[in-house]
């Protein structure tokens, strides 16, 4: 619906409609939070998750004190979309 609305607001000019969706100066690339986690940190997270469940405060305190709580929670929700989550 958003795409159709944008197209209509721009007189069905596809190039103009697409330009309104891109910020001034070009597209902004977002870093994936998963990039900031090493393989060993991911393994620590999985070990902590097995021990504490979703008690992210305990996970941070005992396993990943250098990570912020927000980073751990974001990683959890991204991790749930991976094959590793399905295997567990």
N, C-alpha and C. Protein backbone atom coordinates (compact mmCIF):
# COMPACT_ATOMS: atom_id res chain seq x y z
N UNK A 1 0.82 -1.19 0.00
CA UNK A 1 0.00 0.00 0.00
C UNK A 1 0.86 1.26 0.00
N UNK A 2 1.97 1.21 0.74
CA UNK A 2 2.87 2.37 0.80
C UNK A 2 3.45 2.65 -0.59
N UNK A 3 3.85 1.60 -1.29
CA UNK A 3 4.43 1.77 -2.63
C UNK A 3 3.39 2.35 -3.59
N UNK A 4 2.17 1.84 -3.53
CA UNK A 4 1.12 2.35 -4.42
C UNK A 4 0.80 3.81 -4.10
N UNK A 5 0.74 4.14 -2.83
CA UNK A 5 0.45 5.51 -2.41
C UNK A 5 1.56 6.45 -2.87
N UNK A 6 2.81 6.03 -2.70
CA UNK A 6 3.95 6.86 -3.13
C UNK A 6 3.91 7.07 -4.63
N UNK A 7 3.60 6.04 -5.36
CA UNK A 7 3.52 6.15 -6.82
C UNK A 7 2.40 7.11 -7.23
N UNK A 8 1.25 7.00 -6.59
CA UNK A 8 0.14 7.89 -6.91
C UNK A 8 0.48 9.34 -6.57
N UNK A 9 1.09 9.58 -5.42
CA UNK A 9 1.45 10.95 -5.01
C UNK A 9 2.43 11.59 -5.97
N UNK A 10 3.18 10.77 -6.70
CA UNK A 10 4.17 11.29 -7.65
C UNK A 10 3.71 11.17 -9.09
N UNK A 11 2.41 11.18 -9.28
CA UNK A 11 1.84 11.18 -10.62
C UNK A 11 2.22 9.98 -11.46
N UNK A 12 2.43 8.84 -10.81
CA UNK A 12 2.79 7.59 -11.47
C UNK A 12 4.11 7.68 -12.24
N UNK A 13 4.95 8.63 -11.81
CA UNK A 13 6.30 8.74 -12.36
C UNK A 13 7.20 7.87 -11.47
N UNK A 14 7.58 6.70 -11.98
CA UNK A 14 8.31 5.72 -11.18
C UNK A 14 9.64 6.27 -10.68
N UNK A 15 10.39 6.94 -11.52
CA UNK A 15 11.70 7.49 -11.12
C UNK A 15 11.53 8.51 -9.99
N UNK A 16 10.55 9.38 -10.11
CA UNK A 16 10.31 10.39 -9.08
C UNK A 16 9.85 9.74 -7.77
N UNK A 17 8.98 8.75 -7.88
CA UNK A 17 8.49 8.05 -6.69
C UNK A 17 9.64 7.35 -5.98
N UNK A 18 10.51 6.69 -6.71
CA UNK A 18 11.65 6.01 -6.11
C UNK A 18 12.60 7.01 -5.47
N UNK A 19 12.77 8.17 -6.09
CA UNK A 19 13.66 9.19 -5.54
C UNK A 19 13.14 9.71 -4.19
N UNK A 20 11.83 9.73 -4.00
CA UNK A 20 11.29 10.20 -2.72
C UNK A 20 11.55 9.20 -1.60
N UNK A 21 11.82 7.95 -1.96
CA UNK A 21 12.07 6.93 -0.95
C UNK A 21 13.52 6.87 -0.50
N UNK A 22 14.42 7.48 -1.26
CA UNK A 22 15.84 7.46 -0.95
C UNK A 22 16.23 8.78 -0.29
N UNK A 23 16.90 8.74 0.87
CA UNK A 23 17.29 9.98 1.53
C UNK A 23 18.23 10.82 0.66
N UNK A 24 18.25 12.12 0.94
CA UNK A 24 19.13 13.03 0.21
C UNK A 24 20.57 12.55 0.34
N UNK A 25 21.28 12.47 -0.76
CA UNK A 25 22.67 12.03 -0.71
C UNK A 25 22.85 10.55 -0.97
N UNK A 26 21.79 9.82 -1.22
CA UNK A 26 21.90 8.40 -1.56
C UNK A 26 21.42 7.49 -0.44
N UNK A 27 21.39 6.22 -0.73
CA UNK A 27 20.90 5.26 0.26
C UNK A 27 21.83 5.17 1.46
N UNK A 28 21.26 4.81 2.59
CA UNK A 28 22.01 4.64 3.82
C UNK A 28 22.12 3.14 4.08
N UNK A 29 23.32 2.68 4.20
CA UNK A 29 23.53 1.27 4.49
C UNK A 29 23.56 1.07 5.99
N UNK A 30 22.77 0.14 6.47
CA UNK A 30 22.72 -0.15 7.90
C UNK A 30 23.59 -1.36 8.18
N UNK A 31 24.37 -1.27 9.23
CA UNK A 31 25.17 -2.42 9.63
C UNK A 31 24.28 -3.42 10.33
N UNK A 32 24.47 -4.65 9.99
CA UNK A 32 23.73 -5.73 10.63
C UNK A 32 24.35 -5.98 12.00
N UNK A 33 23.53 -6.05 13.03
CA UNK A 33 24.03 -6.27 14.39
C UNK A 33 24.82 -7.57 14.48
N UNK A 34 24.48 -8.54 13.64
CA UNK A 34 25.18 -9.82 13.67
C UNK A 34 26.65 -9.65 13.32
N UNK A 35 27.01 -8.64 12.54
CA UNK A 35 28.39 -8.43 12.15
C UNK A 35 29.27 -8.12 13.36
N UNK A 36 28.70 -7.53 14.37
CA UNK A 36 29.47 -7.10 15.52
C UNK A 36 29.73 -8.22 16.51
N UNK A 37 29.22 -9.38 16.25
CA UNK A 37 29.40 -10.52 17.13
C UNK A 37 30.35 -11.52 16.48
N UNK A 38 31.39 -11.89 17.18
CA UNK A 38 32.30 -12.91 16.67
C UNK A 38 31.65 -14.28 16.84
N UNK A 39 32.24 -15.27 16.20
CA UNK A 39 31.72 -16.63 16.32
C UNK A 39 31.80 -17.11 17.77
N UNK A 40 32.88 -16.75 18.45
CA UNK A 40 33.02 -17.19 19.85
C UNK A 40 32.00 -16.49 20.75
N UNK A 41 31.67 -15.24 20.46
CA UNK A 41 30.64 -14.55 21.23
C UNK A 41 29.27 -15.17 20.99
N UNK A 42 29.01 -15.56 19.75
CA UNK A 42 27.74 -16.22 19.43
C UNK A 42 27.63 -17.55 20.17
N UNK A 43 28.75 -18.28 20.26
CA UNK A 43 28.75 -19.56 20.98
C UNK A 43 28.52 -19.32 22.47
N UNK A 44 29.15 -18.27 23.02
CA UNK A 44 28.92 -17.92 24.42
C UNK A 44 27.45 -17.59 24.66
N UNK A 45 26.89 -16.84 23.73
CA UNK A 45 25.48 -16.47 23.84
C UNK A 45 24.60 -17.71 23.87
N UNK A 46 24.84 -18.66 22.97
CA UNK A 46 24.04 -19.88 22.92
C UNK A 46 24.19 -20.69 24.20
N UNK A 47 25.41 -20.74 24.74
CA UNK A 47 25.65 -21.45 25.99
C UNK A 47 24.89 -20.77 27.14
N UNK A 48 24.94 -19.45 27.16
CA UNK A 48 24.24 -18.69 28.20
C UNK A 48 22.73 -18.85 28.08
N UNK A 49 22.25 -18.84 26.86
CA UNK A 49 20.82 -19.00 26.62
C UNK A 49 20.33 -20.36 27.11
N UNK A 50 21.15 -21.36 26.90
CA UNK A 50 20.80 -22.70 27.37
C UNK A 50 20.75 -22.73 28.90
N UNK A 51 21.66 -22.00 29.54
CA UNK A 51 21.72 -22.00 31.01
C UNK A 51 20.65 -21.12 31.64
N UNK A 52 20.45 -19.90 31.09
CA UNK A 52 19.57 -18.92 31.72
C UNK A 52 18.25 -18.68 31.01
N UNK A 53 18.05 -19.28 29.85
CA UNK A 53 16.85 -18.96 29.08
C UNK A 53 16.94 -17.52 28.59
N UNK A 54 15.83 -16.81 28.64
CA UNK A 54 15.82 -15.43 28.13
C UNK A 54 16.07 -14.39 29.23
N UNK A 55 16.80 -14.78 30.27
CA UNK A 55 17.16 -13.82 31.32
C UNK A 55 18.42 -13.08 30.85
N UNK A 56 18.19 -12.04 30.04
CA UNK A 56 19.28 -11.34 29.38
C UNK A 56 20.20 -10.62 30.36
N UNK A 57 19.68 -10.21 31.50
CA UNK A 57 20.54 -9.58 32.51
C UNK A 57 21.59 -10.56 33.02
N UNK A 58 21.18 -11.79 33.32
CA UNK A 58 22.13 -12.80 33.78
C UNK A 58 23.09 -13.21 32.67
N UNK A 59 22.58 -13.30 31.46
CA UNK A 59 23.44 -13.62 30.31
C UNK A 59 24.54 -12.58 30.20
N UNK A 60 24.15 -11.32 30.29
CA UNK A 60 25.14 -10.23 30.20
C UNK A 60 26.12 -10.29 31.36
N UNK A 61 25.60 -10.43 32.55
CA UNK A 61 26.44 -10.40 33.75
C UNK A 61 27.46 -11.54 33.77
N UNK A 62 27.04 -12.76 33.45
CA UNK A 62 27.92 -13.91 33.59
C UNK A 62 28.66 -14.33 32.32
N UNK A 63 28.15 -13.96 31.15
CA UNK A 63 28.76 -14.45 29.93
C UNK A 63 29.29 -13.35 29.01
N UNK A 64 28.58 -12.24 28.90
CA UNK A 64 28.95 -11.20 27.92
C UNK A 64 28.92 -9.80 28.54
N UNK A 65 29.74 -9.55 29.58
CA UNK A 65 29.67 -8.25 30.26
C UNK A 65 30.11 -7.07 29.39
N UNK A 66 30.82 -7.32 28.31
CA UNK A 66 31.27 -6.24 27.42
C UNK A 66 30.21 -5.83 26.40
N UNK A 67 29.12 -6.58 26.34
CA UNK A 67 28.01 -6.25 25.43
C UNK A 67 26.93 -5.48 26.19
N UNK A 68 26.26 -4.58 25.49
CA UNK A 68 25.15 -3.87 26.13
C UNK A 68 23.93 -4.79 26.16
N UNK A 69 23.04 -4.52 27.08
CA UNK A 69 21.80 -5.30 27.18
C UNK A 69 21.00 -5.20 25.88
N UNK A 70 20.94 -4.00 25.32
CA UNK A 70 20.21 -3.80 24.05
C UNK A 70 20.82 -4.63 22.93
N UNK A 71 22.15 -4.70 22.88
CA UNK A 71 22.83 -5.49 21.85
C UNK A 71 22.51 -6.97 22.00
N UNK A 72 22.46 -7.45 23.23
CA UNK A 72 22.16 -8.86 23.48
C UNK A 72 20.73 -9.18 23.06
N UNK A 73 19.80 -8.31 23.39
CA UNK A 73 18.40 -8.53 23.03
C UNK A 73 18.24 -8.49 21.51
N UNK A 74 18.87 -7.53 20.84
CA UNK A 74 18.80 -7.46 19.38
C UNK A 74 19.40 -8.70 18.75
N UNK A 75 20.54 -9.14 19.30
CA UNK A 75 21.17 -10.35 18.77
C UNK A 75 20.25 -11.55 18.92
N UNK A 76 19.57 -11.64 20.07
CA UNK A 76 18.65 -12.75 20.31
C UNK A 76 17.59 -12.82 19.21
N UNK A 77 16.96 -11.69 18.89
CA UNK A 77 15.90 -11.71 17.89
C UNK A 77 16.43 -11.96 16.49
N UNK A 78 17.65 -11.53 16.20
CA UNK A 78 18.24 -11.86 14.90
C UNK A 78 18.66 -13.32 14.87
N UNK A 79 19.20 -13.80 15.99
CA UNK A 79 19.63 -15.19 16.09
C UNK A 79 18.46 -16.14 15.89
N UNK A 80 17.27 -15.75 16.34
CA UNK A 80 16.09 -16.61 16.19
C UNK A 80 15.73 -16.85 14.73
N UNK A 81 16.25 -16.03 13.82
CA UNK A 81 15.94 -16.20 12.40
C UNK A 81 16.97 -17.08 11.70
N UNK A 82 17.96 -17.58 12.44
CA UNK A 82 19.03 -18.37 11.83
C UNK A 82 18.76 -19.86 11.93
N UNK A 83 19.54 -20.63 11.18
CA UNK A 83 19.45 -22.08 11.24
C UNK A 83 19.90 -22.62 12.60
N UNK A 84 20.80 -21.91 13.27
CA UNK A 84 21.27 -22.34 14.58
C UNK A 84 20.11 -22.41 15.58
N UNK A 85 19.21 -21.45 15.50
CA UNK A 85 18.05 -21.44 16.39
C UNK A 85 17.15 -22.65 16.10
N UNK A 86 16.95 -22.92 14.84
CA UNK A 86 16.09 -24.04 14.44
C UNK A 86 16.70 -25.36 14.93
N UNK A 87 18.02 -25.48 14.86
CA UNK A 87 18.69 -26.70 15.31
C UNK A 87 18.52 -26.91 16.81
N UNK A 88 18.48 -25.81 17.56
CA UNK A 88 18.34 -25.95 19.00
C UNK A 88 16.90 -26.21 19.35
